[in-house]
Amino acid sequence: MRGFIAVGVALFIAGCGISGDTGRSIFDWIVEHIQIGSSRDVWLVKGSFGVEDRVALIFGYMDDMAACGDIAVAMNEKFPRAKYYCKSAN
């Protein structure tokens, strides 16, 4: 139930058009404090040119880190110059 509430709040925030750091910090807080599913949620991160970009939030799998690892491997094969890796979100 908490997962549905978290997703609903996140979609509401995204739909409100909150821009800048305020919208991102609210979303970051939600992701950091509310776990969706049975395992910890994971960010798929792209680390190119020394900049860490979170490109996807992985949740809902039995093992989110393993699922993210599979995605990171596939992305690194397709885009070898970009370095994709996984980072715990909560």
PDB file of N, CA and C in Angstrom:
ATOM      1  N   MET A   1       0.827  -1.196   0.000  1.00  0.00           N
ATOM      2  CA  MET A   1       0.000   0.000   0.000  1.00  0.00           C
ATOM      3  C   MET A   1       0.864   1.249   0.000  1.00  0.00           C
ATOM      4  N   ARG A   2       1.945   1.221   0.821  1.00  0.00           N
ATOM      5  CA  ARG A   2       2.838   2.386   0.849  1.00  0.00           C
ATOM      6  C   ARG A   2       3.435   2.660  -0.520  1.00  0.00           C
ATOM      7  N   GLY A   3       3.685   1.571  -1.270  1.00  0.00           N
ATOM      8  CA  GLY A   3       4.256   1.717  -2.609  1.00  0.00           C
ATOM      9  C   GLY A   3       3.317   2.475  -3.537  1.00  0.00           C
ATOM     10  N   PHE A   4       2.033   2.145  -3.459  1.00  0.00           N
ATOM     11  CA  PHE A   4       1.061   2.832  -4.300  1.00  0.00           C
ATOM     12  C   PHE A   4       0.963   4.311  -3.924  1.00  0.00           C
ATOM     13  N   ILE A   5       1.021   4.583  -2.646  1.00  0.00           N
ATOM     14  CA  ILE A   5       0.978   5.971  -2.187  1.00  0.00           C
ATOM     15  C   ILE A   5       2.200   6.719  -2.671  1.00  0.00           C
ATOM     16  N   ALA A   6       3.374   6.100  -2.556  1.00  0.00           N
ATOM     17  CA  ALA A   6       4.622   6.742  -2.997  1.00  0.00           C
ATOM     18  C   ALA A   6       4.585   7.035  -4.484  1.00  0.00           C
ATOM     19  N   VAL A   7       4.138   6.063  -5.268  1.00  0.00           N
ATOM     20  CA  VAL A   7       4.054   6.271  -6.716  1.00  0.00           C
ATOM     21  C   VAL A   7       3.042   7.364  -7.030  1.00  0.00           C
ATOM     22  N   GLY A   8       1.920   7.360  -6.338  1.00  0.00           N
ATOM     23  CA  GLY A   8       0.904   8.394  -6.558  1.00  0.00           C
ATOM     24  C   GLY A   8       1.417   9.779  -6.239  1.00  0.00           C
ATOM     25  N   VAL A   9       2.126   9.907  -5.125  1.00  0.00           N
ATOM     26  CA  VAL A   9       2.691  11.205  -4.745  1.00  0.00           C
ATOM     27  C   VAL A   9       3.742  11.643  -5.764  1.00  0.00           C
ATOM     28  N   ALA A  10       4.587  10.707  -6.192  1.00  0.00           N
ATOM     29  CA  ALA A  10       5.620  11.042  -7.181  1.00  0.00           C
ATOM     30  C   ALA A  10       4.991  11.506  -8.491  1.00  0.00           C
ATOM     31  N   LEU A  11       3.944  10.816  -8.942  1.00  0.00           N
ATOM     32  CA  LEU A  11       3.267  11.225 -10.177  1.00  0.00           C
ATOM     33  C   LEU A  11       2.582  12.575 -10.006  1.00  0.00           C
ATOM     34  N   PHE A  12       2.001  12.802  -8.833  1.00  0.00           N
ATOM     35  CA  PHE A  12       1.369  14.088  -8.560  1.00  0.00           C
ATOM     36  C   PHE A  12       2.399  15.210  -8.632  1.00  0.00           C
ATOM     37  N   ILE A  13       3.549  15.001  -8.011  1.00  0.00           N
ATOM     38  CA  ILE A  13       4.606  16.018  -8.018  1.00  0.00           C
ATOM     39  C   ILE A  13       5.084  16.265  -9.438  1.00  0.00           C
ATOM     40  N   ALA A  14       5.288  15.192 -10.199  1.00  0.00           N
ATOM     41  CA  ALA A  14       5.740  15.348 -11.584  1.00  0.00           C
ATOM     42  C   ALA A  14       4.707  16.103 -12.411  1.00  0.00           C
ATOM     43  N   GLY A  15       3.423  15.854 -12.145  1.00  0.00           N
ATOM     44  CA  GLY A  15       2.363  16.506 -12.900  1.00  0.00           C
ATOM     45  C   GLY A  15       2.112  17.947 -12.505  1.00  0.00           C
ATOM     46  N   CYS A  16       2.563  18.338 -11.332  1.00  0.00           N
ATOM     47  CA  CYS A  16       2.330  19.698 -10.864  1.00  0.00           C
ATOM     48  C   CYS A  16       3.222  20.722 -11.542  1.00  0.00           C
ATOM     49  N   GLY A  17       4.255  20.266 -12.187  1.00  0.00           N
ATOM     50  CA  GLY A  17       5.144  21.202 -12.850  1.00  0.00           C
ATOM     51  C   GLY A  17       6.080  21.905 -11.893  1.00  0.00           C
ATOM     52  N   ILE A  18       6.353  21.306 -10.740  1.00  0.00           N
ATOM     53  CA  ILE A  18       7.328  21.893  -9.828  1.00  0.00           C
ATOM     54  C   ILE A  18       8.673  21.813 -10.523  1.00  0.00           C
ATOM     55  N   SER A  19       9.354  22.915 -10.608  1.00  0.00           N
ATOM     56  CA  SER A  19      10.613  22.921 -11.335  1.00  0.00           C
ATOM     57  C   SER A  19      11.772  23.232 -10.406  1.00  0.00           C
ATOM     58  N   GLY A  20      12.944  22.998 -10.910  1.00  0.00           N
ATOM     59  CA  GLY A  20      14.148  23.347 -10.173  1.00  0.00           C
ATOM     60  C   GLY A  20      14.438  22.386  -9.030  1.00  0.00           C
ATOM     61  N   ASP A  21      15.172  22.862  -8.055  1.00  0.00           N
ATOM     62  CA  ASP A  21      15.632  22.027  -6.957  1.00  0.00           C
ATOM     63  C   ASP A  21      14.507  21.570  -6.046  1.00  0.00           C
ATOM     64  N   THR A  22      13.437  22.336  -5.932  1.00  0.00           N
ATOM     65  CA  THR A  22      12.348  21.964  -5.030  1.00  0.00           C
ATOM     66  C   THR A  22      11.714  20.656  -5.460  1.00  0.00           C
ATOM     67  N   GLY A  23      11.356  20.541  -6.726  1.00  0.00           N
ATOM     68  CA  GLY A  23      10.731  19.319  -7.222  1.00  0.00           C
ATOM     69  C   GLY A  23      11.648  18.130  -7.099  1.00  0.00           C
ATOM     70  N   ARG A  24      12.902  18.319  -7.411  1.00  0.00           N
ATOM     71  CA  ARG A  24      13.856  17.218  -7.328  1.00  0.00           C
ATOM     72  C   ARG A  24      14.089  16.803  -5.880  1.00  0.00           C
ATOM     73  N   SER A  25      14.184  17.742  -4.976  1.00  0.00           N
ATOM     74  CA  SER A  25      14.447  17.381  -3.587  1.00  0.00           C
ATOM     75  C   SER A  25      13.255  16.648  -2.970  1.00  0.00           C
ATOM     76  N   ILE A  26      12.034  16.995  -3.340  1.00  0.00           N
ATOM     77  CA  ILE A  26      10.859  16.280  -2.838  1.00  0.00           C
ATOM     78  C   ILE A  26      10.863  14.854  -3.370  1.00  0.00           C
ATOM     79  N   PHE A  27      11.125  14.696  -4.652  1.00  0.00           N
ATOM     80  CA  PHE A  27      11.181  13.362  -5.251  1.00  0.00           C
ATOM     81  C   PHE A  27      12.309  12.548  -4.629  1.00  0.00           C
ATOM     82  N   ASP A  28      13.476  13.149  -4.458  1.00  0.00           N
ATOM     83  CA  ASP A  28      14.605  12.457  -3.831  1.00  0.00           C
ATOM     84  C   ASP A  28      14.239  11.992  -2.428  1.00  0.00           C
ATOM     85  N   TRP A  29      13.550  12.829  -1.668  1.00  0.00           N
ATOM     86  CA  TRP A  29      13.147  12.462  -0.312  1.00  0.00           C
ATOM     87  C   TRP A  29      12.212  11.254  -0.340  1.00  0.00           C
ATOM     88  N   ILE A  30      11.242  11.279  -1.247  1.00  0.00           N
ATOM     89  CA  ILE A  30      10.290  10.172  -1.359  1.00  0.00           C
ATOM     90  C   ILE A  30      11.023   8.876  -1.686  1.00  0.00           C
ATOM     91  N   VAL A  31      11.910   8.928  -2.678  1.00  0.00           N
ATOM     92  CA  VAL A  31      12.638   7.721  -3.079  1.00  0.00           C
ATOM     93  C   VAL A  31      13.536   7.227  -1.954  1.00  0.00           C
ATOM     94  N   GLU A  32      14.171   8.145  -1.253  1.00  0.00           N
ATOM     95  CA  GLU A  32      15.093   7.771  -0.183  1.00  0.00           C
ATOM     96  C   GLU A  32      14.387   7.135   1.017  1.00  0.00           C
ATOM     97  N   HIS A  33      13.180   7.582   1.308  1.00  0.00           N
ATOM     98  CA  HIS A  33      12.511   7.154   2.532  1.00  0.00           C
ATOM     99  C   HIS A  33      11.395   6.125   2.349  1.00  0.00           C
ATOM    100  N   ILE A  34      10.919   5.913   1.136  1.00  0.00           N
ATOM    101  CA  ILE A  34       9.815   4.980   0.924  1.00  0.00           C
ATOM    102  C   ILE A  34      10.234   3.916  -0.071  1.00  0.00           C
ATOM    103  N   GLN A  35      10.439   2.722   0.429  1.00  0.00           N
ATOM    104  CA  GLN A  35      10.844   1.592  -0.401  1.00  0.00           C
ATOM    105  C   GLN A  35       9.619   1.003  -1.090  1.00  0.00           C
ATOM    106  N   ILE A  36       9.755   0.703  -2.370  1.00  0.00           N
ATOM    107  CA  ILE A  36       8.661   0.085  -3.120  1.00  0.00           C
ATOM    108  C   ILE A  36       9.030  -1.376  -3.347  1.00  0.00           C
ATOM    109  N   GLY A  37       8.205  -2.284  -2.889  1.00  0.00           N
ATOM    110  CA  GLY A  37       8.467  -3.707  -3.057  1.00  0.00           C
ATOM    111  C   GLY A  37       9.248  -4.290  -1.892  1.00  0.00           C
ATOM    112  N   SER A  38       9.718  -5.522  -2.086  1.00  0.00           N
ATOM    113  CA  SER A  38      10.359  -6.253  -0.994  1.00  0.00           C
ATOM    114  C   SER A  38      11.855  -6.004  -0.879  1.00  0.00           C
ATOM    115  N   SER A  39      12.489  -5.507  -1.918  1.00  0.00           N
ATOM    116  CA  SER A  39      13.920  -5.223  -1.832  1.00  0.00           C
ATOM    117  C   SER A  39      14.166  -3.730  -2.011  1.00  0.00           C
ATOM    118  N   ARG A  40      15.333  -3.300  -1.605  1.00  0.00           N
ATOM    119  CA  ARG A  40      15.662  -1.880  -1.700  1.00  0.00           C
ATOM    120  C   ARG A  40      15.671  -1.430  -3.162  1.00  0.00           C
ATOM    121  N   ASP A  41      15.166  -0.231  -3.410  1.00  0.00           N
ATOM    122  CA  ASP A  41      15.129   0.321  -4.754  1.00  0.00           C
ATOM    123  C   ASP A  41      16.535   0.760  -5.154  1.00  0.00           C
ATOM    124  N   VAL A  42      16.771   0.812  -6.463  1.00  0.00           N
ATOM    125  CA  VAL A  42      18.118   1.048  -6.973  1.00  0.00           C
ATOM    126  C   VAL A  42      18.072   2.045  -8.131  1.00  0.00           C
ATOM    127  N   TRP A  43      19.040   2.956  -8.153  1.00  0.00           N
ATOM    128  CA  TRP A  43      19.199   3.874  -9.286  1.00  0.00           C
ATOM    129  C   TRP A  43      20.108   3.224 -10.323  1.00  0.00           C
ATOM    130  N   LEU A  44      19.737   3.298 -11.596  1.00  0.00           N
ATOM    131  CA  LEU A  44      20.654   3.007 -12.694  1.00  0.00           C
ATOM    132  C   LEU A  44      21.328   4.326 -13.002  1.00  0.00           C
ATOM    133  N   VAL A  45      22.643   4.351 -12.879  1.00  0.00           N
ATOM    134  CA  VAL A  45      23.394   5.599 -12.989  1.00  0.00           C
ATOM    135  C   VAL A  45      24.302   5.537 -14.213  1.00  0.00           C
ATOM    136  N   LYS A  46      24.361   6.640 -14.942  1.00  0.00           N
ATOM    137  CA  LYS A  46      25.271   6.777 -16.074  1.00  0.00           C
ATOM    138  C   LYS A  46      26.378   7.727 -15.640  1.00  0.00           C
ATOM    139  N   GLY A  47      27.597   7.244 -15.662  1.00  0.00           N
ATOM    140  CA  GLY A  47      28.724   8.072 -15.252  1.00  0.00           C
ATOM    141  C   GLY A  47      29.594   8.415 -16.442  1.00  0.00           C
ATOM    142  N   SER A  48      29.267   9.466 -17.140  1.00  0.00           N
ATOM    143  CA  SER A  48      30.047   9.899 -18.297  1.00  0.00           C
ATOM    144  C   SER A  48      30.680  11.255 -18.028  1.00  0.00           C
ATOM    145  N   PHE A  49      31.917  11.403 -18.436  1.00  0.00           N
ATOM    146  CA  PHE A  49      32.635  12.675 -18.325  1.00  0.00           C
ATOM    147  C   PHE A  49      32.690  13.176 -16.884  1.00  0.00           C
ATOM    148  N   GLY A  50      32.757  12.256 -15.917  1.00  0.00           N
ATOM    149  CA  GLY A  50      32.865  12.636 -14.523  1.00  0.00           C
ATOM    150  C   GLY A  50      31.576  13.131 -13.895  1.00  0.00           C
ATOM    151  N   VAL A  51      30.462  13.011 -14.599  1.00  0.00           N
ATOM    152  CA  VAL A  51      29.164  13.453 -14.084  1.00  0.00           C
ATOM    153  C   VAL A  51      28.300  12.224 -13.840  1.00  0.00           C
ATOM    154  N   GLU A  52      27.673  12.164 -12.676  1.00  0.00           N
ATOM    155  CA  GLU A  52      26.798  11.045 -12.318  1.00  0.00           C
ATOM    156  C   GLU A  52      25.356  11.428 -12.621  1.00  0.00           C
ATOM    157  N   ASP A  53      24.754  10.783 -13.613  1.00  0.00           N
ATOM    158  CA  ASP A  53      23.354  11.034 -13.981  1.00  0.00           C
ATOM    159  C   ASP A  53      22.519   9.812 -13.646  1.00  0.00           C
ATOM    160  N   ARG A  54      21.516  10.000 -12.790  1.00  0.00           N
ATOM    161  CA  ARG A  54      20.584   8.915 -12.500  1.00  0.00           C
ATOM    162  C   ARG A  54      19.594   8.857 -13.650  1.00  0.00           C
ATOM    163  N   VAL A  55      19.550   7.732 -14.349  1.00  0.00           N
ATOM    164  CA  VAL A  55      18.715   7.647 -15.542  1.00  0.00           C
ATOM    165  C   VAL A  55      17.470   6.793 -15.360  1.00  0.00           C
ATOM    166  N   ALA A  56      17.444   5.949 -14.326  1.00  0.00           N
ATOM    167  CA  ALA A  56      16.261   5.112 -14.098  1.00  0.00           C
ATOM    168  C   ALA A  56      16.212   4.687 -12.644  1.00  0.00           C
ATOM    169  N   LEU A  57      15.003   4.555 -12.140  1.00  0.00           N
ATOM    170  CA  LEU A  57      14.787   4.019 -10.802  1.00  0.00           C
ATOM    171  C   LEU A  57      14.235   2.614 -10.973  1.00  0.00           C
ATOM    172  N   ILE A  58      14.962   1.635 -10.455  1.00  0.00           N
ATOM    173  CA  ILE A  58      14.576   0.234 -10.597  1.00  0.00           C
ATOM    174  C   ILE A  58      13.888  -0.206  -9.303  1.00  0.00           C
ATOM    175  N   PHE A  59      12.653  -0.710  -9.419  1.00  0.00           N
ATOM    176  CA  PHE A  59      11.917  -1.189  -8.258  1.00  0.00           C
ATOM    177  C   PHE A  59      10.913  -2.242  -8.703  1.00  0.00           C
ATOM    178  N   GLY A  60      10.427  -3.019  -7.744  1.00  0.00           N
ATOM    179  CA  GLY A  60       9.382  -3.992  -8.037  1.00  0.00           C
ATOM    180  C   GLY A  60       9.884  -5.390  -8.356  1.00  0.00           C
ATOM    181  N   TYR A  61      11.189  -5.607  -8.398  1.00  0.00           N
ATOM    182  CA  TYR A  61      11.742  -6.935  -8.627  1.00  0.00           C
ATOM    183  C   TYR A  61      11.992  -7.608  -7.275  1.00  0.00           C
ATOM    184  N   MET A  62      12.162  -8.913  -7.291  1.00  0.00           N
ATOM    185  CA  MET A  62      12.520  -9.614  -6.056  1.00  0.00           C
ATOM    186  C   MET A  62      13.880  -9.129  -5.564  1.00  0.00           C
ATOM    187  N   ASP A  63      14.795  -8.897  -6.487  1.00  0.00           N
ATOM    188  CA  ASP A  63      16.120  -8.369  -6.159  1.00  0.00           C
ATOM    189  C   ASP A  63      16.400  -7.209  -7.111  1.00  0.00           C
ATOM    190  N   ASP A  64      16.109  -6.000  -6.666  1.00  0.00           N
ATOM    191  CA  ASP A  64      16.255  -4.820  -7.520  1.00  0.00           C
ATOM    192  C   ASP A  64      17.699  -4.595  -7.962  1.00  0.00           C
ATOM    193  N   MET A  65      18.670  -4.879  -7.076  1.00  0.00           N
ATOM    194  CA  MET A  65      20.072  -4.665  -7.432  1.00  0.00           C
ATOM    195  C   MET A  65      20.502  -5.609  -8.552  1.00  0.00           C
ATOM    196  N   ALA A  66      20.071  -6.867  -8.491  1.00  0.00           N
ATOM    197  CA  ALA A  66      20.399  -7.826  -9.547  1.00  0.00           C
ATOM    198  C   ALA A  66      19.758  -7.420 -10.875  1.00  0.00           C
ATOM    199  N   ALA A  67      18.511  -6.986 -10.815  1.00  0.00           N
ATOM    200  CA  ALA A  67      17.826  -6.542 -12.033  1.00  0.00           C
ATOM    201  C   ALA A  67      18.525  -5.330 -12.623  1.00  0.00           C
ATOM    202  N   CYS A  68      18.915  -4.398 -11.774  1.00  0.00           N
ATOM    203  CA  CYS A  68      19.631  -3.219 -12.245  1.00  0.00           C
ATOM    204  C   CYS A  68      20.971  -3.617 -12.854  1.00  0.00           C
ATOM    205  N   GLY A  69      21.648  -4.572 -12.226  1.00  0.00           N
ATOM    206  CA  GLY A  69      22.924  -5.052 -12.764  1.00  0.00           C
ATOM    207  C   GLY A  69      22.775  -5.613 -14.160  1.00  0.00           C
ATOM    208  N   ASP A  70      21.697  -6.363 -14.395  1.00  0.00           N
ATOM    209  CA  ASP A  70      21.432  -6.902 -15.733  1.00  0.00           C
ATOM    210  C   ASP A  70      21.220  -5.782 -16.747  1.00  0.00           C
ATOM    211  N   ILE A  71      20.487  -4.766 -16.344  1.00  0.00           N
ATOM    212  CA  ILE A  71      20.236  -3.627 -17.233  1.00  0.00           C
ATOM    213  C   ILE A  71      21.531  -2.869 -17.502  1.00  0.00           C
ATOM    214  N   ALA A  72      22.343  -2.678 -16.455  1.00  0.00           N
ATOM    215  CA  ALA A  72      23.615  -1.961 -16.609  1.00  0.00           C
ATOM    216  C   ALA A  72      24.545  -2.696 -17.579  1.00  0.00           C
ATOM    217  N   VAL A  73      24.604  -4.019 -17.484  1.00  0.00           N
ATOM    218  CA  VAL A  73      25.437  -4.813 -18.394  1.00  0.00           C
ATOM    219  C   VAL A  73      24.981  -4.613 -19.833  1.00  0.00           C
ATOM    220  N   ALA A  74      23.677  -4.699 -20.067  1.00  0.00           N
ATOM    221  CA  ALA A  74      23.135  -4.515 -21.413  1.00  0.00           C
ATOM    222  C   ALA A  74      23.419  -3.109 -21.947  1.00  0.00           C
ATOM    223  N   MET A  75      23.263  -2.099 -21.098  1.00  0.00           N
ATOM    224  CA  MET A  75      23.520  -0.717 -21.523  1.00  0.00           C
ATOM    225  C   MET A  75      25.001  -0.497 -21.812  1.00  0.00           C
ATOM    226  N   ASN A  76      25.879  -1.080 -21.004  1.00  0.00           N
ATOM    227  CA  ASN A  76      27.318  -0.937 -21.238  1.00  0.00           C
ATOM    228  C   ASN A  76      27.750  -1.629 -22.518  1.00  0.00           C
ATOM    229  N   GLU A  77      27.083  -2.732 -22.881  1.00  0.00           N
ATOM    230  CA  GLU A  77      27.385  -3.402 -24.143  1.00  0.00           C
ATOM    231  C   GLU A  77      26.939  -2.550 -25.328  1.00  0.00           C
ATOM    232  N   LYS A  78      25.785  -1.921 -25.199  1.00  0.00           N
ATOM    233  CA  LYS A  78      25.259  -1.117 -26.301  1.00  0.00           C
ATOM    234  C   LYS A  78      25.974   0.226 -26.413  1.00  0.00           C
ATOM    235  N   PHE A  79      26.317   0.825 -25.276  1.00  0.00           N
ATOM    236  CA  PHE A  79      26.976   2.131 -25.241  1.00  0.00           C
ATOM    237  C   PHE A  79      28.281   2.012 -24.447  1.00  0.00           C
ATOM    238  N   PRO A  80      29.350   1.491 -25.077  1.00  0.00           N
ATOM    239  CA  PRO A  80      30.574   1.200 -24.330  1.00  0.00           C
ATOM    240  C   PRO A  80      31.299   2.423 -23.771  1.00  0.00           C
ATOM    241  N   ARG A  81      31.078   3.593 -24.312  1.00  0.00           N
ATOM    242  CA  ARG A  81      31.759   4.787 -23.792  1.00  0.00           C
ATOM    243  C   ARG A  81      31.110   5.330 -22.530  1.00  0.00           C
ATOM    244  N   ALA A  82      29.864   5.021 -22.355  1.00  0.00           N
ATOM    245  CA  ALA A  82      29.169   5.429 -21.121  1.00  0.00           C
ATOM    246  C   ALA A  82      29.371   4.322 -20.096  1.00  0.00           C
ATOM    247  N   LYS A  83      29.495   4.705 -18.854  1.00  0.00           N
ATOM    248  CA  LYS A  83      29.662   3.718 -17.785  1.00  0.00           C
ATOM    249  C   LYS A  83      28.382   3.675 -16.966  1.00  0.00           C
ATOM    250  N   TYR A  84      27.621   2.620 -17.142  1.00  0.00           N
ATOM    251  CA  TYR A  84      26.396   2.435 -16.363  1.00  0.00           C
ATOM    252  C   TYR A  84      26.687   1.545 -15.170  1.00  0.00           C
ATOM    253  N   TYR A  85      26.130   1.903 -14.032  1.00  0.00           N
ATOM    254  CA  TYR A  85      26.280   1.111 -12.817  1.00  0.00           C
ATOM    255  C   TYR A  85      25.063   1.352 -11.926  1.00  0.00           C
ATOM    256  N   CYS A  86      24.987   0.588 -10.862  1.00  0.00           N
ATOM    257  CA  CYS A  86      23.828   0.661  -9.978  1.00  0.00           C
ATOM    258  C   CYS A  86      24.218   1.240  -8.619  1.00  0.00           C
ATOM    259  N   LYS A  87      23.278   1.985  -8.057  1.00  0.00           N
ATOM    260  CA  LYS A  87      23.521   2.643  -6.763  1.00  0.00           C
ATOM    261  C   LYS A  87      22.234   2.556  -5.946  1.00  0.00           C
ATOM    262  N   SER A  88      22.363   2.188  -4.679  1.00  0.00           N
ATOM    263  CA  SER A  88      21.192   2.063  -3.814  1.00  0.00           C
ATOM    264  C   SER A  88      20.450   3.391  -3.705  1.00  0.00           C
ATOM    265  N   ALA A  89      19.121   3.339  -3.790  1.00  0.00           N
ATOM    266  CA  ALA A  89      18.309   4.546  -3.711  1.00  0.00           C
ATOM    267  C   ALA A  89      17.741   4.787  -2.314  1.00  0.00           C
ATOM    268  N   ASN A  90      17.574   3.720  -1.536  1.00  0.00           N
ATOM    269  CA  ASN A  90      17.027   3.870  -0.173  1.00  0.00           C
ATOM    270  C   ASN A  90      17.557   2.793   0.743  1.00  0.00           C
TER     271      ASN A  90
END
